Amino acid sequence: MADPQIEKIKSAVAAADHIPRDKKTELLDLVAKLEPAISRISETHGEHADRISTLVEQSVRTASDNDQEHLETTLDELKQSVRRFEASHPDLVSFVTEYSAFLSALGI
């Protein structure tokens, strides 16, 4: 994943005023796991990698808007986007599972 996309995701996390500081730190640690996973998949599936990273950014922004229904829709789309890579890129699927659970647990 290109650095600008990671920076967009980090900025979205930083702008999420209703997420407590300690949870933002956890979320940023979790996002750090995304970079190597997306980097590997972008070697062979660049468009899919871009879509996945865009959905991660969108989900943070949606969480910031406190729109639970839209967040669930975005997370479902994110899960569907990585499903085809379950066998070849289990680290990406693991990230999405952990990330989705984290955002859901925030109770946004």
N, C-alpha and C. Protein backbone atom coordinates (compact mmCIF):
# COMPACT_ATOMS: atom_id res chain seq x y z
N MET A 1 0.86 -1.16 0.00
CA MET A 1 0.00 0.00 0.00
C MET A 1 0.90 1.22 0.00
N ALA A 2 0.51 2.19 -0.73
CA ALA A 2 1.28 3.42 -0.81
C ALA A 2 1.17 4.18 0.51
N ASP A 3 2.23 4.87 0.87
CA ASP A 3 2.25 5.66 2.09
C ASP A 3 1.09 6.65 2.19
N PRO A 4 0.71 7.32 1.09
CA PRO A 4 -0.42 8.26 1.20
C PRO A 4 -1.71 7.60 1.70
N GLN A 5 -1.96 6.36 1.31
CA GLN A 5 -3.17 5.68 1.77
C GLN A 5 -3.10 5.39 3.27
N ILE A 6 -1.95 4.96 3.73
CA ILE A 6 -1.77 4.72 5.17
C ILE A 6 -1.98 6.03 5.92
N GLU A 7 -1.43 7.11 5.39
CA GLU A 7 -1.58 8.42 6.03
C GLU A 7 -3.05 8.85 6.07
N LYS A 8 -3.81 8.56 5.03
CA LYS A 8 -5.24 8.89 5.03
C LYS A 8 -5.96 8.11 6.13
N ILE A 9 -5.60 6.84 6.27
CA ILE A 9 -6.24 6.02 7.31
C ILE A 9 -5.87 6.56 8.69
N LYS A 10 -4.59 6.87 8.90
CA LYS A 10 -4.16 7.41 10.19
C LYS A 10 -4.84 8.74 10.49
N SER A 11 -4.98 9.58 9.47
CA SER A 11 -5.66 10.86 9.65
C SER A 11 -7.12 10.67 10.03
N ALA A 12 -7.75 9.69 9.40
CA ALA A 12 -9.15 9.40 9.73
C ALA A 12 -9.29 8.95 11.18
N VAL A 13 -8.33 8.14 11.63
CA VAL A 13 -8.35 7.70 13.03
C VAL A 13 -8.15 8.91 13.95
N ALA A 14 -7.18 9.75 13.63
CA ALA A 14 -6.90 10.93 14.45
C ALA A 14 -8.11 11.87 14.52
N ALA A 15 -8.87 11.96 13.45
CA ALA A 15 -10.02 12.86 13.39
C ALA A 15 -11.25 12.30 14.09
N ALA A 16 -11.22 11.05 14.46
CA ALA A 16 -12.38 10.41 15.10
C ALA A 16 -12.45 10.86 16.56
N ASP A 17 -13.09 11.98 16.79
CA ASP A 17 -13.12 12.60 18.11
C ASP A 17 -13.80 11.76 19.20
N HIS A 18 -14.74 10.93 18.82
CA HIS A 18 -15.47 10.17 19.83
C HIS A 18 -14.79 8.86 20.22
N ILE A 19 -13.66 8.55 19.57
CA ILE A 19 -12.92 7.35 19.95
C ILE A 19 -11.91 7.74 21.02
N PRO A 20 -11.96 7.08 22.18
CA PRO A 20 -11.02 7.41 23.25
C PRO A 20 -9.57 7.24 22.80
N ARG A 21 -8.71 8.03 23.39
CA ARG A 21 -7.29 8.05 23.01
C ARG A 21 -6.65 6.66 23.05
N ASP A 22 -6.91 5.90 24.11
CA ASP A 22 -6.31 4.56 24.21
C ASP A 22 -6.81 3.64 23.10
N LYS A 23 -8.06 3.81 22.72
CA LYS A 23 -8.62 2.99 21.63
C LYS A 23 -8.05 3.43 20.28
N LYS A 24 -7.78 4.73 20.14
CA LYS A 24 -7.14 5.20 18.91
C LYS A 24 -5.76 4.57 18.77
N THR A 25 -5.04 4.48 19.87
CA THR A 25 -3.71 3.85 19.84
C THR A 25 -3.83 2.40 19.42
N GLU A 26 -4.79 1.69 19.99
CA GLU A 26 -5.01 0.29 19.60
C GLU A 26 -5.37 0.18 18.12
N LEU A 27 -6.22 1.08 17.68
CA LEU A 27 -6.65 1.07 16.28
C LEU A 27 -5.48 1.34 15.34
N LEU A 28 -4.63 2.28 15.70
CA LEU A 28 -3.45 2.57 14.87
C LEU A 28 -2.48 1.39 14.85
N ASP A 29 -2.35 0.70 15.98
CA ASP A 29 -1.52 -0.51 16.01
C ASP A 29 -2.10 -1.58 15.09
N LEU A 30 -3.39 -1.68 15.08
CA LEU A 30 -4.06 -2.63 14.22
C LEU A 30 -3.88 -2.26 12.75
N VAL A 31 -4.02 -0.99 12.43
CA VAL A 31 -3.83 -0.52 11.05
C VAL A 31 -2.41 -0.80 10.58
N ALA A 32 -1.45 -0.76 11.49
CA ALA A 32 -0.06 -1.06 11.12
C ALA A 32 0.08 -2.48 10.57
N LYS A 33 -0.80 -3.37 10.99
CA LYS A 33 -0.78 -4.75 10.48
C LYS A 33 -1.29 -4.82 9.04
N LEU A 34 -2.05 -3.82 8.65
CA LEU A 34 -2.61 -3.81 7.30
C LEU A 34 -1.54 -3.59 6.24
N GLU A 35 -0.60 -2.72 6.52
CA GLU A 35 0.37 -2.35 5.50
C GLU A 35 1.10 -3.54 4.88
N PRO A 36 1.71 -4.43 5.65
CA PRO A 36 2.40 -5.56 5.00
C PRO A 36 1.44 -6.51 4.28
N ALA A 37 0.25 -6.68 4.82
CA ALA A 37 -0.72 -7.58 4.19
C ALA A 37 -1.17 -7.02 2.84
N ILE A 38 -1.44 -5.74 2.79
CA ILE A 38 -1.86 -5.11 1.54
C ILE A 38 -0.69 -5.05 0.56
N SER A 39 0.48 -4.83 1.06
CA SER A 39 1.66 -4.76 0.20
C SER A 39 1.84 -6.07 -0.56
N ARG A 40 1.66 -7.19 0.13
CA ARG A 40 1.81 -8.50 -0.52
C ARG A 40 0.73 -8.73 -1.58
N ILE A 41 -0.48 -8.38 -1.26
CA ILE A 41 -1.57 -8.63 -2.20
C ILE A 41 -1.52 -7.67 -3.39
N SER A 42 -0.98 -6.48 -3.19
CA SER A 42 -0.93 -5.51 -4.28
C SER A 42 0.04 -5.93 -5.39
N GLU A 43 0.95 -6.83 -5.07
CA GLU A 43 1.88 -7.33 -6.08
C GLU A 43 1.15 -8.05 -7.22
N THR A 44 0.07 -8.71 -6.90
CA THR A 44 -0.66 -9.48 -7.91
C THR A 44 -2.09 -9.00 -8.14
N HIS A 45 -2.63 -8.27 -7.20
CA HIS A 45 -4.03 -7.82 -7.27
C HIS A 45 -4.12 -6.35 -6.85
N GLY A 46 -3.50 -5.48 -7.62
CA GLY A 46 -3.42 -4.06 -7.26
C GLY A 46 -4.75 -3.39 -7.04
N GLU A 47 -5.72 -3.64 -7.93
CA GLU A 47 -7.03 -3.01 -7.78
C GLU A 47 -7.73 -3.46 -6.51
N HIS A 48 -7.61 -4.74 -6.21
CA HIS A 48 -8.24 -5.26 -4.99
C HIS A 48 -7.57 -4.67 -3.75
N ALA A 49 -6.26 -4.54 -3.79
CA ALA A 49 -5.54 -3.96 -2.66
C ALA A 49 -6.00 -2.52 -2.44
N ASP A 50 -6.14 -1.77 -3.52
CA ASP A 50 -6.61 -0.38 -3.41
C ASP A 50 -8.02 -0.33 -2.84
N ARG A 51 -8.88 -1.22 -3.30
CA ARG A 51 -10.26 -1.24 -2.81
C ARG A 51 -10.32 -1.57 -1.33
N ILE A 52 -9.52 -2.53 -0.92
CA ILE A 52 -9.51 -2.93 0.49
C ILE A 52 -9.03 -1.77 1.37
N SER A 53 -7.94 -1.13 0.96
CA SER A 53 -7.43 -0.02 1.76
C SER A 53 -8.42 1.15 1.78
N THR A 54 -9.12 1.37 0.68
CA THR A 54 -10.15 2.42 0.63
C THR A 54 -11.29 2.08 1.58
N LEU A 55 -11.68 0.82 1.63
CA LEU A 55 -12.76 0.42 2.54
C LEU A 55 -12.34 0.56 4.00
N VAL A 56 -11.07 0.30 4.30
CA VAL A 56 -10.59 0.50 5.68
C VAL A 56 -10.71 1.98 6.04
N GLU A 57 -10.23 2.83 5.15
CA GLU A 57 -10.34 4.28 5.40
C GLU A 57 -11.80 4.69 5.55
N GLN A 58 -12.63 4.22 4.65
CA GLN A 58 -14.05 4.56 4.69
C GLN A 58 -14.70 4.09 6.00
N SER A 59 -14.32 2.93 6.48
CA SER A 59 -14.92 2.43 7.71
C SER A 59 -14.54 3.28 8.91
N VAL A 60 -13.30 3.78 8.93
CA VAL A 60 -12.90 4.67 10.02
C VAL A 60 -13.70 5.96 9.95
N ARG A 61 -13.83 6.50 8.75
CA ARG A 61 -14.61 7.74 8.58
C ARG A 61 -16.08 7.52 8.95
N THR A 62 -16.62 6.37 8.57
CA THR A 62 -18.01 6.05 8.91
C THR A 62 -18.17 5.90 10.41
N ALA A 63 -17.20 5.27 11.04
CA ALA A 63 -17.24 5.15 12.50
C ALA A 63 -17.20 6.54 13.14
N SER A 64 -16.44 7.44 12.55
CA SER A 64 -16.35 8.81 13.06
C SER A 64 -17.69 9.53 12.96
N ASP A 65 -18.47 9.18 11.96
CA ASP A 65 -19.79 9.79 11.79
C ASP A 65 -20.83 9.18 12.71
N ASN A 66 -20.42 8.14 13.42
CA ASN A 66 -21.31 7.47 14.38
C ASN A 66 -22.55 6.90 13.70
N ASP A 67 -22.37 6.35 12.51
CA ASP A 67 -23.46 5.78 11.72
C ASP A 67 -23.31 4.26 11.71
N GLN A 68 -23.91 3.60 12.69
CA GLN A 68 -23.75 2.16 12.88
C GLN A 68 -24.18 1.35 11.67
N GLU A 69 -25.28 1.72 11.07
CA GLU A 69 -25.79 0.97 9.92
C GLU A 69 -24.82 1.04 8.73
N HIS A 70 -24.33 2.22 8.44
CA HIS A 70 -23.38 2.39 7.34
C HIS A 70 -22.06 1.70 7.66
N LEU A 71 -21.65 1.75 8.92
CA LEU A 71 -20.42 1.07 9.33
C LEU A 71 -20.55 -0.44 9.10
N GLU A 72 -21.66 -1.02 9.50
CA GLU A 72 -21.86 -2.45 9.30
C GLU A 72 -21.84 -2.81 7.82
N THR A 73 -22.45 -1.99 6.99
CA THR A 73 -22.46 -2.22 5.55
C THR A 73 -21.03 -2.16 5.00
N THR A 74 -20.27 -1.17 5.42
CA THR A 74 -18.89 -1.02 4.96
C THR A 74 -18.03 -2.19 5.41
N LEU A 75 -18.19 -2.61 6.66
CA LEU A 75 -17.41 -3.74 7.16
C LEU A 75 -17.79 -5.04 6.44
N ASP A 76 -19.06 -5.20 6.13
CA ASP A 76 -19.49 -6.38 5.36
C ASP A 76 -18.84 -6.38 3.98
N GLU A 77 -18.82 -5.22 3.34
CA GLU A 77 -18.18 -5.11 2.03
C GLU A 77 -16.68 -5.41 2.13
N LEU A 78 -16.06 -4.93 3.19
CA LEU A 78 -14.64 -5.20 3.41
C LEU A 78 -14.39 -6.70 3.57
N LYS A 79 -15.22 -7.36 4.36
CA LYS A 79 -15.09 -8.81 4.55
C LYS A 79 -15.26 -9.55 3.23
N GLN A 80 -16.24 -9.14 2.43
CA GLN A 80 -16.45 -9.77 1.13
C GLN A 80 -15.25 -9.56 0.20
N SER A 81 -14.63 -8.39 0.30
CA SER A 81 -13.49 -8.07 -0.56
C SER A 81 -12.28 -8.96 -0.28
N VAL A 82 -12.13 -9.40 0.95
CA VAL A 82 -10.96 -10.23 1.29
C VAL A 82 -11.25 -11.72 1.26
N ARG A 83 -12.50 -12.08 1.20
CA ARG A 83 -12.89 -13.50 1.26
C ARG A 83 -12.17 -14.34 0.21
N ARG A 84 -11.98 -13.83 -0.99
CA ARG A 84 -11.35 -14.60 -2.06
C ARG A 84 -9.87 -14.84 -1.81
N PHE A 85 -9.29 -14.12 -0.85
CA PHE A 85 -7.87 -14.25 -0.56
C PHE A 85 -7.61 -15.06 0.71
N GLU A 86 -8.63 -15.73 1.20
CA GLU A 86 -8.52 -16.47 2.45
C GLU A 86 -7.39 -17.50 2.43
N ALA A 87 -7.26 -18.23 1.35
CA ALA A 87 -6.23 -19.27 1.26
C ALA A 87 -4.86 -18.69 0.96
N SER A 88 -4.80 -17.71 0.07
CA SER A 88 -3.50 -17.20 -0.36
C SER A 88 -2.95 -16.09 0.55
N HIS A 89 -3.80 -15.39 1.27
CA HIS A 89 -3.35 -14.28 2.12
C HIS A 89 -4.11 -14.31 3.46
N PRO A 90 -3.87 -15.32 4.27
CA PRO A 90 -4.61 -15.43 5.53
C PRO A 90 -4.35 -14.26 6.48
N ASP A 91 -3.19 -13.61 6.36
CA ASP A 91 -2.90 -12.48 7.23
C ASP A 91 -3.84 -11.31 6.95
N LEU A 92 -4.23 -11.13 5.70
CA LEU A 92 -5.17 -10.08 5.34
C LEU A 92 -6.56 -10.38 5.90
N VAL A 93 -6.97 -11.61 5.77
CA VAL A 93 -8.28 -12.02 6.31
C VAL A 93 -8.27 -11.89 7.83
N SER A 94 -7.17 -12.26 8.45
CA SER A 94 -7.05 -12.13 9.90
C SER A 94 -7.15 -10.67 10.33
N PHE A 95 -6.48 -9.78 9.57
CA PHE A 95 -6.56 -8.36 9.88
C PHE A 95 -8.00 -7.88 9.81
N VAL A 96 -8.70 -8.20 8.74
CA VAL A 96 -10.07 -7.72 8.55
C VAL A 96 -10.98 -8.25 9.66
N THR A 97 -10.79 -9.49 10.04
CA THR A 97 -11.59 -10.07 11.12
C THR A 97 -11.35 -9.32 12.43
N GLU A 98 -10.08 -9.12 12.75
CA GLU A 98 -9.72 -8.43 13.99
C GLU A 98 -10.17 -6.96 13.95
N TYR A 99 -9.96 -6.32 12.82
CA TYR A 99 -10.33 -4.92 12.64
C TYR A 99 -11.84 -4.73 12.78
N SER A 100 -12.61 -5.57 12.14
CA SER A 100 -14.06 -5.49 12.20
C SER A 100 -14.56 -5.69 13.63
N ALA A 101 -14.00 -6.67 14.32
CA ALA A 101 -14.38 -6.92 15.69
C ALA A 101 -14.05 -5.73 16.58
N PHE A 102 -12.89 -5.13 16.35
CA PHE A 102 -12.48 -3.97 17.13
C PHE A 102 -13.46 -2.83 16.96
N LEU A 103 -13.78 -2.48 15.70
CA LEU A 103 -14.71 -1.37 15.48
C LEU A 103 -16.10 -1.68 16.05
N SER A 104 -16.52 -2.91 15.91
CA SER A 104 -17.82 -3.29 16.46
C SER A 104 -17.84 -3.19 17.98
N ALA A 105 -16.74 -3.56 18.61
CA ALA A 105 -16.64 -3.53 20.06
C ALA A 105 -16.60 -2.11 20.61
N LEU A 106 -16.25 -1.16 19.79
CA LEU A 106 -16.25 0.23 20.23
C LEU A 106 -17.67 0.71 20.55
N GLY A 107 -18.64 0.00 19.99
CA GLY A 107 -20.02 0.37 20.25
C GLY A 107 -20.43 1.65 19.54
N ILE A 108 -19.85 1.83 18.38
CA ILE A 108 -20.12 3.05 17.63
C ILE A 108 -21.49 2.97 17.00
